[in-house]
Amino acid sequence: MSVTNFFYNFKNKLGLYELLQRLDPNKLWRIRIDEYDEKTRLQEEKYHAMLGDIARQAKHLNQALDLDSWKRLCVDQYRKDCITNDIPRLADYWKRQNFRLMPGLDGSSLVALGTQTRDFPKYVAAGFIEWLYHYGSEHGIEWSEPQEEFDQRYAA
C-alpha cells in the first residue's frame, strides 16, 4: 500500500485535480481528508527548550543523555500515555501512526520507526508540551521558562 500526502488549500485546487488524474482507474482508492493544522515554530522552540532542560538535569538508567535521545524517549512515552489513558483526539492520532520497533540492519539493536516531531500537527505539539510539564514536575525538573508562562502561544 502506498500513501501520498497532499496538502490542499484554495491556492492549489489544480494540484488536487492533477493528483486525482494520476491515480490508476483500475484500482480501488481510499481518500481520507483530514484538517491539517501544522504546529507553530513557537511550539517547536518550546518543546526543544524543555527537552534541553530535561537533558541537562535528568538521567535515565543512571545515564546522562543528549537532547535527541530524550526527545525519542519522551515522544515514545507520550505516545503510550495518550493511548493508555485514551486521551481524546491524541489517542486516535497515535493509533493511526505507523510506529514500530525493527531490528537494526546488523540485528544487534532495535530501532524505533514512526512519527517524527517535525510531523506533529498543532494539537499534538500542544499536548506534548503539556505532557513535558507533567513529566518534569514528577522528576524535579526546573524549567528555564516556568509553567506559569505557558500561554496560548503554545496551545492547540
N, C-alpha and C. Protein backbone atom coordinates (compact mmCIF):
# COMPACT_ATOMS: atom_id res chain seq x y z
N MET A 1 0.84 -1.17 0.00
CA MET A 1 0.00 0.00 0.00
C MET A 1 0.88 1.23 0.00
N SER A 2 0.62 2.15 -0.87
CA SER A 2 1.38 3.39 -0.89
C SER A 2 0.52 4.51 -0.35
N VAL A 3 1.16 5.48 0.29
CA VAL A 3 0.47 6.61 0.86
C VAL A 3 1.03 7.87 0.24
N THR A 4 0.15 8.73 -0.21
CA THR A 4 0.56 10.02 -0.76
C THR A 4 -0.08 11.11 0.08
N ASN A 5 0.74 11.96 0.66
CA ASN A 5 0.22 13.11 1.39
C ASN A 5 0.12 14.27 0.43
N PHE A 6 -1.01 14.90 0.43
CA PHE A 6 -1.23 16.06 -0.43
C PHE A 6 -1.87 17.12 0.43
N PHE A 7 -1.21 18.25 0.57
CA PHE A 7 -1.73 19.33 1.39
C PHE A 7 -2.49 20.29 0.50
N TYR A 8 -3.79 20.36 0.74
CA TYR A 8 -4.69 21.10 -0.13
C TYR A 8 -5.14 22.39 0.55
N ASN A 9 -5.11 23.46 -0.18
CA ASN A 9 -5.78 24.68 0.23
C ASN A 9 -6.33 25.32 -1.03
N PHE A 10 -7.01 26.41 -0.89
CA PHE A 10 -7.68 27.01 -2.05
C PHE A 10 -6.70 27.50 -3.11
N LYS A 11 -5.44 27.61 -2.75
CA LYS A 11 -4.45 28.08 -3.73
C LYS A 11 -4.01 26.98 -4.68
N ASN A 12 -4.22 25.72 -4.33
CA ASN A 12 -3.73 24.65 -5.20
C ASN A 12 -4.85 23.69 -5.63
N LYS A 13 -5.99 24.22 -5.99
CA LYS A 13 -7.10 23.39 -6.47
C LYS A 13 -6.68 22.56 -7.68
N LEU A 14 -5.94 23.16 -8.58
CA LEU A 14 -5.50 22.45 -9.78
C LEU A 14 -4.61 21.27 -9.39
N GLY A 15 -3.78 21.43 -8.36
CA GLY A 15 -2.91 20.35 -7.92
C GLY A 15 -3.69 19.13 -7.45
N LEU A 16 -4.82 19.34 -6.79
CA LEU A 16 -5.66 18.23 -6.37
C LEU A 16 -6.21 17.49 -7.59
N TYR A 17 -6.65 18.22 -8.58
CA TYR A 17 -7.16 17.62 -9.81
C TYR A 17 -6.06 16.78 -10.48
N GLU A 18 -4.86 17.34 -10.54
CA GLU A 18 -3.73 16.61 -11.15
C GLU A 18 -3.41 15.34 -10.36
N LEU A 19 -3.50 15.41 -9.05
CA LEU A 19 -3.26 14.22 -8.23
C LEU A 19 -4.28 13.13 -8.56
N LEU A 20 -5.54 13.51 -8.64
CA LEU A 20 -6.59 12.54 -8.96
C LEU A 20 -6.40 11.95 -10.36
N GLN A 21 -5.92 12.73 -11.29
CA GLN A 21 -5.69 12.25 -12.65
C GLN A 21 -4.60 11.18 -12.71
N ARG A 22 -3.66 11.23 -11.76
CA ARG A 22 -2.55 10.26 -11.76
C ARG A 22 -2.93 8.91 -11.17
N LEU A 23 -4.08 8.82 -10.52
CA LEU A 23 -4.49 7.57 -9.90
C LEU A 23 -4.88 6.56 -10.98
N ASP A 24 -4.49 5.32 -10.76
CA ASP A 24 -4.82 4.24 -11.68
C ASP A 24 -6.33 3.96 -11.60
N PRO A 25 -7.07 4.15 -12.70
CA PRO A 25 -8.52 3.96 -12.65
C PRO A 25 -8.93 2.49 -12.49
N ASN A 26 -7.99 1.57 -12.62
CA ASN A 26 -8.28 0.14 -12.48
C ASN A 26 -8.12 -0.35 -11.05
N LYS A 27 -7.74 0.56 -10.16
CA LYS A 27 -7.57 0.19 -8.75
C LYS A 27 -8.63 0.87 -7.91
N LEU A 28 -8.89 0.29 -6.74
CA LEU A 28 -9.80 0.88 -5.77
C LEU A 28 -8.98 1.80 -4.87
N TRP A 29 -9.43 3.04 -4.68
CA TRP A 29 -8.69 4.02 -3.89
C TRP A 29 -9.50 4.45 -2.68
N ARG A 30 -8.82 4.68 -1.59
CA ARG A 30 -9.42 5.27 -0.41
C ARG A 30 -8.80 6.64 -0.25
N ILE A 31 -9.63 7.64 -0.17
CA ILE A 31 -9.13 9.00 0.02
C ILE A 31 -9.64 9.48 1.36
N ARG A 32 -8.73 9.90 2.20
CA ARG A 32 -9.08 10.39 3.53
C ARG A 32 -8.74 11.86 3.60
N ILE A 33 -9.67 12.64 4.06
CA ILE A 33 -9.45 14.07 4.17
C ILE A 33 -9.45 14.44 5.64
N ASP A 34 -8.35 15.02 6.08
CA ASP A 34 -8.21 15.47 7.47
C ASP A 34 -7.87 16.95 7.47
N GLU A 35 -8.33 17.64 8.48
CA GLU A 35 -7.88 19.01 8.66
C GLU A 35 -6.44 18.95 9.14
N TYR A 36 -5.60 19.76 8.57
CA TYR A 36 -4.20 19.77 8.97
C TYR A 36 -3.86 21.15 9.50
N ASP A 37 -3.46 21.16 10.73
CA ASP A 37 -3.09 22.42 11.37
C ASP A 37 -1.68 22.24 11.89
N GLU A 38 -0.71 22.67 11.11
CA GLU A 38 0.69 22.45 11.41
C GLU A 38 1.09 23.14 12.71
N LYS A 39 1.96 22.48 13.45
CA LYS A 39 2.46 23.09 14.68
C LYS A 39 3.16 24.40 14.35
N THR A 40 3.26 25.25 15.36
CA THR A 40 3.90 26.54 15.15
C THR A 40 5.39 26.44 15.48
N ARG A 41 6.14 27.36 14.97
CA ARG A 41 7.57 27.43 15.28
C ARG A 41 7.77 27.68 16.77
N LEU A 42 6.88 28.45 17.39
CA LEU A 42 6.97 28.69 18.83
C LEU A 42 6.80 27.40 19.62
N GLN A 43 5.87 26.55 19.19
CA GLN A 43 5.70 25.26 19.86
C GLN A 43 6.97 24.43 19.74
N GLU A 44 7.53 24.39 18.55
CA GLU A 44 8.75 23.62 18.32
C GLU A 44 9.89 24.13 19.19
N GLU A 45 10.07 25.45 19.25
CA GLU A 45 11.11 26.03 20.09
C GLU A 45 10.86 25.71 21.56
N LYS A 46 9.60 25.75 21.96
CA LYS A 46 9.25 25.48 23.36
C LYS A 46 9.60 24.05 23.75
N TYR A 47 9.14 23.06 22.98
CA TYR A 47 9.42 21.70 23.43
C TYR A 47 10.89 21.34 23.29
N HIS A 48 11.61 21.95 22.36
CA HIS A 48 13.05 21.70 22.31
C HIS A 48 13.76 22.32 23.52
N ALA A 49 13.33 23.50 23.93
CA ALA A 49 13.91 24.11 25.14
C ALA A 49 13.61 23.24 26.36
N MET A 50 12.39 22.72 26.44
CA MET A 50 12.03 21.86 27.57
C MET A 50 12.83 20.56 27.56
N LEU A 51 13.01 19.98 26.38
CA LEU A 51 13.83 18.76 26.29
C LEU A 51 15.28 19.06 26.66
N GLY A 52 15.75 20.25 26.32
CA GLY A 52 17.09 20.66 26.74
C GLY A 52 17.21 20.74 28.25
N ASP A 53 16.18 21.30 28.91
CA ASP A 53 16.16 21.35 30.38
C ASP A 53 16.21 19.95 30.95
N ILE A 54 15.43 19.04 30.40
CA ILE A 54 15.42 17.65 30.88
C ILE A 54 16.80 17.02 30.67
N ALA A 55 17.39 17.22 29.49
CA ALA A 55 18.69 16.61 29.19
C ALA A 55 19.77 17.12 30.14
N ARG A 56 19.70 18.38 30.54
CA ARG A 56 20.71 18.94 31.45
C ARG A 56 20.53 18.47 32.89
N GLN A 57 19.32 18.08 33.27
CA GLN A 57 19.04 17.81 34.68
C GLN A 57 18.72 16.37 35.03
N ALA A 58 18.27 15.59 34.07
CA ALA A 58 17.77 14.25 34.39
C ALA A 58 18.72 13.16 33.88
N LYS A 59 18.53 11.99 34.45
CA LYS A 59 19.25 10.80 33.99
C LYS A 59 18.23 9.70 33.74
N HIS A 60 18.56 8.84 32.80
CA HIS A 60 17.74 7.66 32.53
C HIS A 60 18.63 6.45 32.71
N LEU A 61 18.21 5.54 33.58
CA LEU A 61 19.01 4.36 33.91
C LEU A 61 20.43 4.77 34.32
N ASN A 62 20.49 5.84 35.12
CA ASN A 62 21.75 6.37 35.65
C ASN A 62 22.68 6.94 34.58
N GLN A 63 22.14 7.27 33.44
CA GLN A 63 22.96 7.83 32.35
C GLN A 63 22.45 9.20 31.95
N ALA A 64 23.37 10.12 31.75
CA ALA A 64 23.03 11.41 31.16
C ALA A 64 22.87 11.19 29.66
N LEU A 65 21.82 11.78 29.08
CA LEU A 65 21.55 11.60 27.66
C LEU A 65 21.46 12.95 26.98
N ASP A 66 21.69 12.97 25.68
CA ASP A 66 21.57 14.22 24.93
C ASP A 66 20.11 14.53 24.62
N LEU A 67 19.86 15.73 24.12
CA LEU A 67 18.51 16.18 23.83
C LEU A 67 17.79 15.24 22.87
N ASP A 68 18.45 14.82 21.82
CA ASP A 68 17.80 13.95 20.84
C ASP A 68 17.37 12.62 21.45
N SER A 69 18.19 12.06 22.32
CA SER A 69 17.83 10.81 23.00
C SER A 69 16.63 11.03 23.91
N TRP A 70 16.63 12.14 24.64
CA TRP A 70 15.48 12.44 25.49
C TRP A 70 14.22 12.66 24.66
N LYS A 71 14.38 13.28 23.51
CA LYS A 71 13.21 13.51 22.66
C LYS A 71 12.60 12.17 22.25
N ARG A 72 13.42 11.22 21.83
CA ARG A 72 12.91 9.90 21.44
C ARG A 72 12.21 9.20 22.60
N LEU A 73 12.84 9.25 23.77
CA LEU A 73 12.24 8.61 24.94
C LEU A 73 10.93 9.28 25.34
N CYS A 74 10.92 10.62 25.34
CA CYS A 74 9.71 11.34 25.76
C CYS A 74 8.58 11.18 24.75
N VAL A 75 8.86 11.27 23.47
CA VAL A 75 7.81 11.09 22.47
C VAL A 75 7.21 9.69 22.58
N ASP A 76 8.06 8.69 22.79
CA ASP A 76 7.57 7.32 22.94
C ASP A 76 6.64 7.20 24.15
N GLN A 77 7.05 7.77 25.29
CA GLN A 77 6.22 7.66 26.49
C GLN A 77 4.94 8.50 26.34
N TYR A 78 5.04 9.66 25.71
CA TYR A 78 3.87 10.50 25.43
C TYR A 78 2.86 9.70 24.58
N ARG A 79 3.36 9.04 23.55
CA ARG A 79 2.50 8.22 22.69
C ARG A 79 1.79 7.14 23.52
N LYS A 80 2.55 6.42 24.33
CA LYS A 80 1.97 5.35 25.14
C LYS A 80 0.94 5.90 26.13
N ASP A 81 1.26 7.02 26.78
CA ASP A 81 0.34 7.60 27.76
C ASP A 81 -0.96 8.06 27.10
N CYS A 82 -0.87 8.65 25.92
CA CYS A 82 -2.08 9.09 25.21
C CYS A 82 -2.98 7.91 24.88
N ILE A 83 -2.39 6.81 24.43
CA ILE A 83 -3.17 5.63 24.07
C ILE A 83 -3.72 4.94 25.32
N THR A 84 -2.87 4.73 26.32
CA THR A 84 -3.28 4.04 27.54
C THR A 84 -4.40 4.79 28.25
N ASN A 85 -4.29 6.12 28.32
CA ASN A 85 -5.29 6.93 29.02
C ASN A 85 -6.44 7.36 28.11
N ASP A 86 -6.41 6.89 26.86
CA ASP A 86 -7.45 7.18 25.87
C ASP A 86 -7.80 8.67 25.83
N ILE A 87 -6.77 9.49 25.70
CA ILE A 87 -6.95 10.94 25.66
C ILE A 87 -7.61 11.29 24.32
N PRO A 88 -8.78 11.95 24.38
CA PRO A 88 -9.50 12.24 23.13
C PRO A 88 -8.61 12.93 22.10
N ARG A 89 -8.78 12.56 20.90
CA ARG A 89 -8.09 13.08 19.72
C ARG A 89 -6.61 12.65 19.69
N LEU A 90 -5.90 12.74 20.80
CA LEU A 90 -4.48 12.35 20.82
C LEU A 90 -4.32 10.84 20.69
N ALA A 91 -5.15 10.08 21.39
CA ALA A 91 -5.08 8.61 21.28
C ALA A 91 -5.36 8.19 19.84
N ASP A 92 -6.36 8.82 19.22
CA ASP A 92 -6.68 8.49 17.83
C ASP A 92 -5.51 8.82 16.91
N TYR A 93 -4.87 9.95 17.14
CA TYR A 93 -3.72 10.34 16.32
C TYR A 93 -2.64 9.26 16.41
N TRP A 94 -2.30 8.86 17.62
CA TRP A 94 -1.21 7.89 17.79
C TRP A 94 -1.58 6.52 17.26
N LYS A 95 -2.84 6.14 17.36
CA LYS A 95 -3.26 4.83 16.83
C LYS A 95 -3.16 4.78 15.31
N ARG A 96 -3.26 5.94 14.65
CA ARG A 96 -3.16 5.99 13.19
C ARG A 96 -1.71 5.98 12.70
N GLN A 97 -0.77 6.25 13.59
CA GLN A 97 0.63 6.32 13.18
C GLN A 97 1.20 4.91 13.01
N ASN A 98 2.17 4.80 12.17
CA ASN A 98 2.77 3.50 11.88
C ASN A 98 4.05 3.34 12.70
N PHE A 99 3.89 3.32 14.03
CA PHE A 99 5.04 3.19 14.92
C PHE A 99 5.38 1.72 15.11
N ARG A 100 6.68 1.42 15.05
CA ARG A 100 7.11 0.04 15.28
C ARG A 100 8.60 0.01 15.61
N LEU A 101 9.00 -1.07 16.25
CA LEU A 101 10.41 -1.35 16.52
C LEU A 101 10.89 -2.38 15.52
N MET A 102 12.07 -2.12 14.96
CA MET A 102 12.64 -3.03 13.98
C MET A 102 14.08 -3.34 14.40
N PRO A 103 14.52 -4.56 14.17
CA PRO A 103 15.93 -4.85 14.41
C PRO A 103 16.81 -4.00 13.49
N GLY A 104 17.95 -3.56 14.02
CA GLY A 104 18.90 -2.82 13.19
C GLY A 104 19.40 -3.70 12.05
N LEU A 105 20.06 -3.09 11.10
CA LEU A 105 20.49 -3.83 9.92
C LEU A 105 21.41 -5.00 10.26
N ASP A 106 22.20 -4.86 11.32
CA ASP A 106 23.06 -5.98 11.70
C ASP A 106 22.42 -6.88 12.75
N GLY A 107 21.18 -6.54 13.16
CA GLY A 107 20.45 -7.38 14.12
C GLY A 107 20.86 -7.21 15.56
N SER A 108 21.79 -6.30 15.85
CA SER A 108 22.31 -6.20 17.22
C SER A 108 21.57 -5.18 18.07
N SER A 109 20.59 -4.46 17.51
CA SER A 109 19.88 -3.44 18.27
C SER A 109 18.47 -3.28 17.73
N LEU A 110 17.67 -2.51 18.44
CA LEU A 110 16.33 -2.17 17.99
C LEU A 110 16.29 -0.70 17.59
N VAL A 111 15.56 -0.41 16.55
CA VAL A 111 15.44 0.95 16.05
C VAL A 111 13.94 1.29 16.03
N ALA A 112 13.59 2.45 16.60
CA ALA A 112 12.20 2.90 16.58
C ALA A 112 11.93 3.63 15.27
N LEU A 113 10.90 3.18 14.58
CA LEU A 113 10.48 3.82 13.34
C LEU A 113 9.09 4.40 13.54
N GLY A 114 8.83 5.51 12.93
CA GLY A 114 7.49 6.08 13.04
C GLY A 114 7.52 7.59 13.05
N THR A 115 6.56 8.17 13.75
CA THR A 115 6.32 9.60 13.73
C THR A 115 7.50 10.41 14.24
N GLN A 116 7.77 11.49 13.55
CA GLN A 116 8.80 12.45 13.95
C GLN A 116 8.10 13.69 14.49
N THR A 117 8.72 14.40 15.42
CA THR A 117 8.10 15.61 15.96
C THR A 117 7.89 16.65 14.87
N ARG A 118 8.70 16.63 13.83
CA ARG A 118 8.53 17.62 12.76
C ARG A 118 7.19 17.44 12.04
N ASP A 119 6.56 16.26 12.18
CA ASP A 119 5.27 15.99 11.55
C ASP A 119 4.09 16.22 12.47
N PHE A 120 4.34 16.65 13.71
CA PHE A 120 3.23 16.85 14.65
C PHE A 120 2.27 17.92 14.14
N PRO A 121 0.96 17.63 14.18
CA PRO A 121 0.01 18.73 14.00
C PRO A 121 0.01 19.60 15.26
N LYS A 122 -0.59 20.74 15.17
CA LYS A 122 -0.56 21.72 16.26
C LYS A 122 -1.09 21.15 17.57
N TYR A 123 -2.22 20.42 17.54
CA TYR A 123 -2.80 19.91 18.78
C TYR A 123 -1.92 18.84 19.44
N VAL A 124 -1.18 18.07 18.65
CA VAL A 124 -0.29 17.05 19.21
C VAL A 124 0.93 17.74 19.85
N ALA A 125 1.44 18.78 19.19
CA ALA A 125 2.56 19.53 19.76
C ALA A 125 2.14 20.19 21.07
N ALA A 126 0.92 20.75 21.12
CA ALA A 126 0.43 21.36 22.37
C ALA A 126 0.31 20.32 23.47
N GLY A 127 -0.22 19.15 23.13
CA GLY A 127 -0.32 18.07 24.12
C GLY A 127 1.04 17.60 24.60
N PHE A 128 2.03 17.58 23.69
CA PHE A 128 3.38 17.17 24.06
C PHE A 128 3.99 18.15 25.06
N ILE A 129 3.78 19.43 24.84
CA ILE A 129 4.29 20.44 25.78
C ILE A 129 3.65 20.24 27.16
N GLU A 130 2.35 20.04 27.19
CA GLU A 130 1.68 19.78 28.47
C GLU A 130 2.22 18.51 29.11
N TRP A 131 2.44 17.47 28.32
CA TRP A 131 2.97 16.21 28.84
C TRP A 131 4.37 16.44 29.42
N LEU A 132 5.20 17.23 28.73
CA LEU A 132 6.55 17.52 29.23
C LEU A 132 6.50 18.24 30.57
N TYR A 133 5.59 19.20 30.72
CA TYR A 133 5.44 19.87 32.02
C TYR A 133 5.09 18.86 33.10
N HIS A 134 4.18 17.95 32.80
CA HIS A 134 3.79 16.93 33.78
C HIS A 134 4.98 16.03 34.12
N TYR A 135 5.68 15.58 33.09
CA TYR A 135 6.86 14.73 33.31
C TYR A 135 7.89 15.46 34.17
N GLY A 136 8.15 16.70 33.82
CA GLY A 136 9.13 17.49 34.56
C GLY A 136 8.76 17.69 36.02
N SER A 137 7.46 17.92 36.28
CA SER A 137 7.04 18.12 37.67
C SER A 137 7.21 16.84 38.48
N GLU A 138 7.05 15.69 37.84
CA GLU A 138 7.23 14.41 38.54
C GLU A 138 8.69 14.05 38.74
N HIS A 139 9.59 14.69 37.99
CA HIS A 139 11.01 14.33 38.05
C HIS A 139 11.91 15.49 38.48
N GLY A 140 11.33 16.50 39.10
CA GLY A 140 12.11 17.59 39.69
C GLY A 140 12.84 18.48 38.69
N ILE A 141 12.31 18.63 37.51
CA ILE A 141 12.96 19.48 36.51
C ILE A 141 12.63 20.94 36.81
N GLU A 142 13.66 21.77 36.80
CA GLU A 142 13.46 23.22 36.92
C GLU A 142 13.52 23.80 35.52
N TRP A 143 12.40 24.38 35.12
CA TRP A 143 12.27 24.88 33.75
C TRP A 143 12.95 26.23 33.58
N SER A 144 13.58 26.40 32.43
CA SER A 144 14.18 27.70 32.11
C SER A 144 13.07 28.73 31.86
N GLU A 145 11.90 28.27 31.43
CA GLU A 145 10.70 29.12 31.35
C GLU A 145 9.64 28.45 32.20
N PRO A 146 9.27 29.03 33.34
CA PRO A 146 8.31 28.40 34.24
C PRO A 146 6.97 28.13 33.58
N GLN A 147 6.28 27.13 34.12
CA GLN A 147 4.99 26.73 33.55
C GLN A 147 3.98 27.86 33.58
N GLU A 148 4.08 28.76 34.55
CA GLU A 148 3.14 29.87 34.63
C GLU A 148 3.18 30.73 33.37
N GLU A 149 4.31 30.70 32.66
CA GLU A 149 4.44 31.49 31.45
C GLU A 149 3.96 30.76 30.20
N PHE A 150 3.55 29.51 30.41
CA PHE A 150 2.96 28.75 29.31
C PHE A 150 1.61 29.38 28.99
N ASP A 151 1.44 29.83 27.78
CA ASP A 151 0.21 30.55 27.44
C ASP A 151 -0.33 30.11 26.10
N GLN A 152 -1.25 30.84 25.56
CA GLN A 152 -1.92 30.48 24.33
C GLN A 152 -0.99 30.39 23.12
N ARG A 153 0.21 30.95 23.22
CA ARG A 153 1.15 30.83 22.09
C ARG A 153 1.41 29.38 21.74
N TYR A 154 1.32 28.49 22.75
CA TYR A 154 1.64 27.09 22.53
C TYR A 154 0.40 26.20 22.50
N ALA A 155 -0.75 26.75 22.74
CA ALA A 155 -1.97 25.94 22.82
C ALA A 155 -2.45 25.53 21.44
N ALA A 156 -3.27 24.50 21.41
CA ALA A 156 -3.79 23.99 20.13
C ALA A 156 -4.83 24.94 19.55
